[in-house]
PDB file of N, CA and C in Angstrom:
ATOM      1  N   MET A   1      68.102  14.251  28.286  1.00  0.00           N
ATOM      2  CA  MET A   1      68.627  15.266  28.453  1.00  0.00           C
ATOM      3  C   MET A   1      68.813  16.477  27.211  1.00  0.00           C
ATOM      4  N   THR A   2      68.818  17.734  27.819  1.00  0.00           N
ATOM      5  CA  THR A   2      69.377  18.703  26.828  1.00  0.00           C
ATOM      6  C   THR A   2      70.539  18.599  26.760  1.00  0.00           C
ATOM      7  N   SER A   3      70.932  19.653  25.813  1.00  0.00           N
ATOM      8  CA  SER A   3      72.797  19.975  24.915  1.00  0.00           C
ATOM      9  C   SER A   3      73.033  20.667  26.265  1.00  0.00           C
ATOM     10  N   TRP A   4      72.261  21.487  26.733  1.00  0.00           N
ATOM     11  CA  TRP A   4      72.999  22.976  28.112  1.00  0.00           C
ATOM     12  C   TRP A   4      73.284  21.820  29.519  1.00  0.00           C
ATOM     13  N   GLN A   5      72.399  20.503  29.346  1.00  0.00           N
ATOM     14  CA  GLN A   5      72.574  20.039  30.553  1.00  0.00           C
ATOM     15  C   GLN A   5      73.847  19.444  30.467  1.00  0.00           C
ATOM     16  N   ALA A   6      74.123  18.806  29.490  1.00  0.00           N
ATOM     17  CA  ALA A   6      75.336  17.942  29.506  1.00  0.00           C
ATOM     18  C   ALA A   6      76.534  18.454  29.441  1.00  0.00           C
ATOM     19  N   VAL A   7      76.277  19.931  28.710  1.00  0.00           N
ATOM     20  CA  VAL A   7      77.771  20.405  29.082  1.00  0.00           C
ATOM     21  C   VAL A   7      77.984  21.169  30.439  1.00  0.00           C
ATOM     22  N   ARG A   8      76.974  21.411  30.864  1.00  0.00           N
ATOM     23  CA  ARG A   8      77.089  21.539  32.891  1.00  0.00           C
ATOM     24  C   ARG A   8      77.338  19.523  33.174  1.00  0.00           C
ATOM     25  N   LEU A   9      77.211  18.794  33.180  1.00  0.00           N
ATOM     26  CA  LEU A   9      77.804  17.360  33.507  1.00  0.00           C
ATOM     27  C   LEU A   9      79.132  17.006  32.687  1.00  0.00           C
ATOM     28  N   VAL A  10      79.721  17.471  31.545  1.00  0.00           N
ATOM     29  CA  VAL A  10      80.630  17.110  31.440  1.00  0.00           C
ATOM     30  C   VAL A  10      81.561  18.124  31.779  1.00  0.00           C
ATOM     31  N   ALA A  11      80.919  19.427  31.979  1.00  0.00           N
ATOM     32  CA  ALA A  11      82.271  20.616  33.090  1.00  0.00           C
ATOM     33  C   ALA A  11      82.949  20.240  34.103  1.00  0.00           C
ATOM     34  N   GLY A  12      81.302  19.709  34.825  1.00  0.00           N
ATOM     35  CA  GLY A  12      81.521  19.208  36.319  1.00  0.00           C
ATOM     36  C   GLY A  12      82.475  18.002  36.959  1.00  0.00           C
ATOM     37  N   THR A  13      81.812  17.234  35.582  1.00  0.00           N
ATOM     38  CA  THR A  13      82.955  15.962  35.622  1.00  0.00           C
ATOM     39  C   THR A  13      84.140  16.500  35.627  1.00  0.00           C
ATOM     40  N   PHE A  14      84.820  17.241  34.006  1.00  0.00           N
ATOM     41  CA  PHE A  14      86.326  17.038  34.224  1.00  0.00           C
ATOM     42  C   PHE A  14      87.062  18.223  35.116  1.00  0.00           C
ATOM     43  N   ILE A  15      86.047  19.116  35.812  1.00  0.00           N
ATOM     44  CA  ILE A  15      86.355  19.770  37.185  1.00  0.00           C
ATOM     45  C   ILE A  15      86.843  19.358  38.033  1.00  0.00           C
ATOM     46  N   LEU A  16      86.008  18.236  38.146  1.00  0.00           N
ATOM     47  CA  LEU A  16      86.629  17.260  39.612  1.00  0.00           C
ATOM     48  C   LEU A  16      87.423  16.515  39.342  1.00  0.00           C
ATOM     49  N   LEU A  17      87.577  16.001  38.028  1.00  0.00           N
ATOM     50  CA  LEU A  17      88.759  14.483  37.431  1.00  0.00           C
ATOM     51  C   LEU A  17      89.987  15.416  37.844  1.00  0.00           C
ATOM     52  N   SER A  18      89.880  16.298  37.307  1.00  0.00           N
ATOM     53  CA  SER A  18      91.145  17.217  36.993  1.00  0.00           C
ATOM     54  C   SER A  18      91.588  17.966  38.012  1.00  0.00           C
ATOM     55  N   LEU A  19      91.104  18.052  39.321  1.00  0.00           N
ATOM     56  CA  LEU A  19      91.527  18.619  40.539  1.00  0.00           C
ATOM     57  C   LEU A  19      91.863  17.066  41.215  1.00  0.00           C
ATOM     58  N   ALA A  20      91.169  16.294  41.012  1.00  0.00           N
ATOM     59  CA  ALA A  20      91.503  15.115  41.458  1.00  0.00           C
ATOM     60  C   ALA A  20      92.611  14.542  41.034  1.00  0.00           C
ATOM     61  N   LEU A  21      93.113  14.756  39.875  1.00  0.00           N
ATOM     62  CA  LEU A  21      94.387  14.121  39.678  1.00  0.00           C
ATOM     63  C   LEU A  21      95.720  15.412  39.902  1.00  0.00           C
ATOM     64  N   GLY A  22      94.808  16.701  40.227  1.00  0.00           N
ATOM     65  CA  GLY A  22      95.912  17.493  40.089  1.00  0.00           C
ATOM     66  C   GLY A  22      96.140  17.816  41.769  1.00  0.00           C
ATOM     67  N   ILE A  23      96.061  18.106  42.496  1.00  0.00           N
ATOM     68  CA  ILE A  23      95.641  18.086  44.134  1.00  0.00           C
ATOM     69  C   ILE A  23      96.716  17.357  44.664  1.00  0.00           C
ATOM     70  N   PRO A  24      97.775  17.595  45.254  1.00  0.00           N
ATOM     71  CA  PRO A  24      99.006  16.848  45.543  1.00  0.00           C
ATOM     72  C   PRO A  24      98.547  15.644  46.925  1.00  0.00           C
ATOM     73  N   GLY A  25      97.150  15.801  47.768  1.00  0.00           N
ATOM     74  CA  GLY A  25      96.799  15.437  48.740  1.00  0.00           C
ATOM     75  C   GLY A  25      95.869  14.244  48.163  1.00  0.00           C
ATOM     76  N   SER A  26      95.492  14.480  47.068  1.00  0.00           N
ATOM     77  CA  SER A  26      94.479  13.353  46.434  1.00  0.00           C
ATOM     78  C   SER A  26      94.851  12.037  46.235  1.00  0.00           C
ATOM     79  N   PRO A  27      94.100  10.973  46.596  1.00  0.00           N
ATOM     80  CA  PRO A  27      94.708   9.424  46.603  1.00  0.00           C
ATOM     81  C   PRO A  27      95.061   8.841  44.931  1.00  0.00           C
ATOM     82  N   ILE A  28      94.728   9.612  44.008  1.00  0.00           N
ATOM     83  CA  ILE A  28      94.597   9.459  42.794  1.00  0.00           C
ATOM     84  C   ILE A  28      95.525  10.899  41.999  1.00  0.00           C
ATOM     85  N   PHE A  29      96.548  11.143  43.006  1.00  0.00           N
ATOM     86  CA  PHE A  29      97.232  12.465  42.621  1.00  0.00           C
ATOM     87  C   PHE A  29      98.508  11.937  40.944  1.00  0.00           C
ATOM     88  N   VAL A  30      98.466  13.010  39.994  1.00  0.00           N
ATOM     89  CA  VAL A  30      99.186  12.861  39.175  1.00  0.00           C
ATOM     90  C   VAL A  30     100.395  13.484  38.984  1.00  0.00           C
ATOM     91  N   SER A  31      99.907  14.414  38.805  1.00  0.00           N
ATOM     92  CA  SER A  31     100.469  16.362  38.773  1.00  0.00           C
ATOM     93  C   SER A  31      99.721  17.145  38.418  1.00  0.00           C
ATOM     94  N   GLN A  32     100.874  18.204  39.167  1.00  0.00           N
ATOM     95  CA  GLN A  32      99.732  19.634  39.491  1.00  0.00           C
ATOM     96  C   GLN A  32      99.684  20.595  38.201  1.00  0.00           C
ATOM     97  N   TRP A  33     100.032  20.023  36.896  1.00  0.00           N
ATOM     98  CA  TRP A  33      99.711  20.676  35.613  1.00  0.00           C
ATOM     99  C   TRP A  33      98.324  20.199  35.158  1.00  0.00           C
ATOM    100  N   TRP A  34      98.057  19.111  36.070  1.00  0.00           N
ATOM    101  CA  TRP A  34      96.161  19.070  35.271  1.00  0.00           C
ATOM    102  C   TRP A  34      95.669  20.153  36.490  1.00  0.00           C
ATOM    103  N   LEU A  35      96.022  21.129  37.237  1.00  0.00           N
ATOM    104  CA  LEU A  35      95.438  22.219  37.402  1.00  0.00           C
ATOM    105  C   LEU A  35      94.917  22.986  36.686  1.00  0.00           C
ATOM    106  N   ALA A  36      95.736  22.749  35.094  1.00  0.00           N
ATOM    107  CA  ALA A  36      95.956  23.893  34.120  1.00  0.00           C
ATOM    108  C   ALA A  36      94.274  23.460  33.343  1.00  0.00           C
ATOM    109  N   PHE A  37      94.621  22.356  33.178  1.00  0.00           N
ATOM    110  CA  PHE A  37      92.818  22.005  32.727  1.00  0.00           C
ATOM    111  C   PHE A  37      91.702  22.027  33.376  1.00  0.00           C
ATOM    112  N   THR A  38      91.761  22.356  34.622  1.00  0.00           N
ATOM    113  CA  THR A  38      90.518  22.865  35.599  1.00  0.00           C
ATOM    114  C   THR A  38      90.834  24.525  34.790  1.00  0.00           C
ATOM    115  N   ALA A  39      91.726  25.178  35.017  1.00  0.00           N
ATOM    116  CA  ALA A  39      91.983  26.864  34.402  1.00  0.00           C
ATOM    117  C   ALA A  39      91.219  26.506  33.204  1.00  0.00           C
ATOM    118  N   PHE A  40      91.437  25.446  32.031  1.00  0.00           N
ATOM    119  CA  PHE A  40      90.678  26.118  30.792  1.00  0.00           C
ATOM    120  C   PHE A  40      89.543  25.787  30.725  1.00  0.00           C
ATOM    121  N   VAL A  41      88.623  25.034  31.553  1.00  0.00           N
ATOM    122  CA  VAL A  41      87.598  24.649  31.753  1.00  0.00           C
ATOM    123  C   VAL A  41      87.125  25.917  32.140  1.00  0.00           C
ATOM    124  N   GLY A  42      87.239  26.273  32.651  1.00  0.00           N
ATOM    125  CA  GLY A  42      86.794  27.489  33.809  1.00  0.00           C
ATOM    126  C   GLY A  42      87.179  28.450  32.718  1.00  0.00           C
ATOM    127  N   VAL A  43      87.646  28.834  31.849  1.00  0.00           N
ATOM    128  CA  VAL A  43      88.080  29.881  30.887  1.00  0.00           C
ATOM    129  C   VAL A  43      87.031  29.513  29.473  1.00  0.00           C
ATOM    130  N   ASN A  44      86.901  28.469  29.732  1.00  0.00           N
ATOM    131  CA  ASN A  44      85.514  28.212  28.618  1.00  0.00           C
ATOM    132  C   ASN A  44      84.418  28.205  29.334  1.00  0.00           C
ATOM    133  N   LEU A  45      83.898  28.208  30.220  1.00  0.00           N
ATOM    134  CA  LEU A  45      82.996  28.600  30.936  1.00  0.00           C
ATOM    135  C   LEU A  45      82.626  30.036  30.925  1.00  0.00           C
ATOM    136  N   LEU A  46      83.516  30.841  30.841  1.00  0.00           N
ATOM    137  CA  LEU A  46      83.659  32.501  31.297  1.00  0.00           C
ATOM    138  C   LEU A  46      83.429  32.464  29.798  1.00  0.00           C
ATOM    139  N   GLN A  47      84.024  32.256  28.893  1.00  0.00           N
ATOM    140  CA  GLN A  47      84.003  32.630  27.040  1.00  0.00           C
ATOM    141  C   GLN A  47      82.369  31.885  26.898  1.00  0.00           C
ATOM    142  N   SER A  48      81.877  31.484  27.182  1.00  0.00           N
ATOM    143  CA  SER A  48      80.428  30.726  26.721  1.00  0.00           C
ATOM    144  C   SER A  48      79.465  31.787  27.549  1.00  0.00           C
ATOM    145  N   ALA A  49      79.428  32.293  28.471  1.00  0.00           N
ATOM    146  CA  ALA A  49      78.395  33.252  28.943  1.00  0.00           C
ATOM    147  C   ALA A  49      78.469  34.156  28.792  1.00  0.00           C
ATOM    148  N   LEU A  50      79.584  34.831  28.134  1.00  0.00           N
ATOM    149  CA  LEU A  50      80.064  36.132  27.578  1.00  0.00           C
ATOM    150  C   LEU A  50      79.535  36.199  26.326  1.00  0.00           C
ATOM    151  N   THR A  51      80.044  34.893  25.289  1.00  0.00           N
ATOM    152  CA  THR A  51      79.393  35.322  23.781  1.00  0.00           C
ATOM    153  C   THR A  51      78.393  34.413  23.598  1.00  0.00           C
ATOM    154  N   LYS A  52      77.439  33.671  24.174  1.00  0.00           N
ATOM    155  CA  LYS A  52      76.802  33.040  24.516  1.00  0.00           C
ATOM    156  C   LYS A  52      76.583  32.275  23.155  1.00  0.00           C
ATOM    157  N   TRP A  53      78.005  31.053  23.553  1.00  0.00           N
ATOM    158  CA  TRP A  53      78.396  30.452  22.388  1.00  0.00           C
ATOM    159  C   TRP A  53      79.221  29.506  22.979  1.00  0.00           C
ATOM    160  N   CYS A  54      78.852  28.090  22.350  1.00  0.00           N
ATOM    161  CA  CYS A  54      79.758  27.188  23.015  1.00  0.00           C
ATOM    162  C   CYS A  54      80.122  26.099  22.425  1.00  0.00           C
ATOM    163  N   LEU A  55      81.158  25.638  22.359  1.00  0.00           N
ATOM    164  CA  LEU A  55      81.690  24.416  21.572  1.00  0.00           C
ATOM    165  C   LEU A  55      80.941  22.755  21.550  1.00  0.00           C
ATOM    166  N   MET A  56      81.507  22.985  23.091  1.00  0.00           N
ATOM    167  CA  MET A  56      80.933  21.647  23.447  1.00  0.00           C
ATOM    168  C   MET A  56      79.239  21.305  23.545  1.00  0.00           C
ATOM    169  N   GLU A  57      78.522  22.584  23.231  1.00  0.00           N
ATOM    170  CA  GLU A  57      77.188  22.296  23.400  1.00  0.00           C
ATOM    171  C   GLU A  57      76.926  21.923  21.652  1.00  0.00           C
ATOM    172  N   THR A  58      77.637  22.526  21.309  1.00  0.00           N
ATOM    173  CA  THR A  58      77.478  22.803  19.714  1.00  0.00           C
ATOM    174  C   THR A  58      77.843  21.039  19.186  1.00  0.00           C
ATOM    175  N   ILE A  59      78.796  20.242  19.620  1.00  0.00           N
ATOM    176  CA  ILE A  59      79.346  19.258  19.639  1.00  0.00           C
ATOM    177  C   ILE A  59      77.812  17.912  20.275  1.00  0.00           C
ATOM    178  N   MET A  60      77.694  18.356  21.480  1.00  0.00           N
ATOM    179  CA  MET A  60      76.275  18.061  21.882  1.00  0.00           C
ATOM    180  C   MET A  60      75.159  17.754  20.853  1.00  0.00           C
ATOM    181  N   ARG A  61      74.791  18.933  20.315  1.00  0.00           N
ATOM    182  CA  ARG A  61      73.420  19.536  19.400  1.00  0.00           C
ATOM    183  C   ARG A  61      73.891  17.892  18.187  1.00  0.00           C
ATOM    184  N   LYS A  62      75.053  17.844  17.793  1.00  0.00           N
ATOM    185  CA  LYS A  62      75.365  17.544  16.914  1.00  0.00           C
ATOM    186  C   LYS A  62      75.445  15.540  16.652  1.00  0.00           C
ATOM    187  N   LEU A  63      75.294  15.685  18.458  1.00  0.00           N
ATOM    188  CA  LEU A  63      75.467  14.072  18.642  1.00  0.00           C
ATOM    189  C   LEU A  63      73.701  13.741  18.729  1.00  0.00           C
ATOM    190  N   GLY A  64      72.927  14.798  18.618  1.00  0.00           N
ATOM    191  CA  GLY A  64      71.619  14.581  18.693  1.00  0.00           C
ATOM    192  C   GLY A  64      70.665  14.830  20.018  1.00  0.00           C
ATOM    193  N   LEU A  65      71.727  15.266  21.102  1.00  0.00           N
ATOM    194  CA  LEU A  65      70.920  15.942  22.241  1.00  0.00           C
ATOM    195  C   LEU A  65      70.114  17.421  21.250  1.00  0.00           C
ATOM    196  N   SER A  66      68.881  17.188  22.189  1.00  0.00           N
ATOM    197  CA  SER A  66      68.325  19.131  21.770  1.00  0.00           C
ATOM    198  C   SER A  66      68.274  19.788  22.256  1.00  0.00           C
ATOM    199  N   ALA A  67      68.301  21.245  22.275  1.00  0.00           N
ATOM    200  CA  ALA A  67      68.600  22.283  22.452  1.00  0.00           C
ATOM    201  C   ALA A  67      68.011  22.871  24.218  1.00  0.00           C
ATOM    202  N   GLY A  68      66.844  22.174  24.408  1.00  0.00           N
ATOM    203  CA  GLY A  68      66.355  22.765  25.700  1.00  0.00           C
ATOM    204  C   GLY A  68      65.780  24.216  25.583  1.00  0.00           C
ATOM    205  N   CYS A  69      65.543  24.479  27.275  1.00  0.00           N
ATOM    206  CA  CYS A  69      65.044  26.292  27.497  1.00  0.00           C
ATOM    207  C   CYS A  69      66.131  26.897  27.537  1.00  0.00           C
TER     208      CYS A  69
END
């Protein structure tokens, strides 16, 4: 797995989990404040697309994942 694939895997997991924790109809609902975390992940994805730099990808590379194509 490459670092950019891992970033997308982590981002997708964070988004789905925070939605499940933040939507009142969910069986694992905790608080609507979890939706702020969904927005945080979205803002970070937007920022990385515009600046071509992503902190999570840097962390993944330091953990030993290759950069990929």
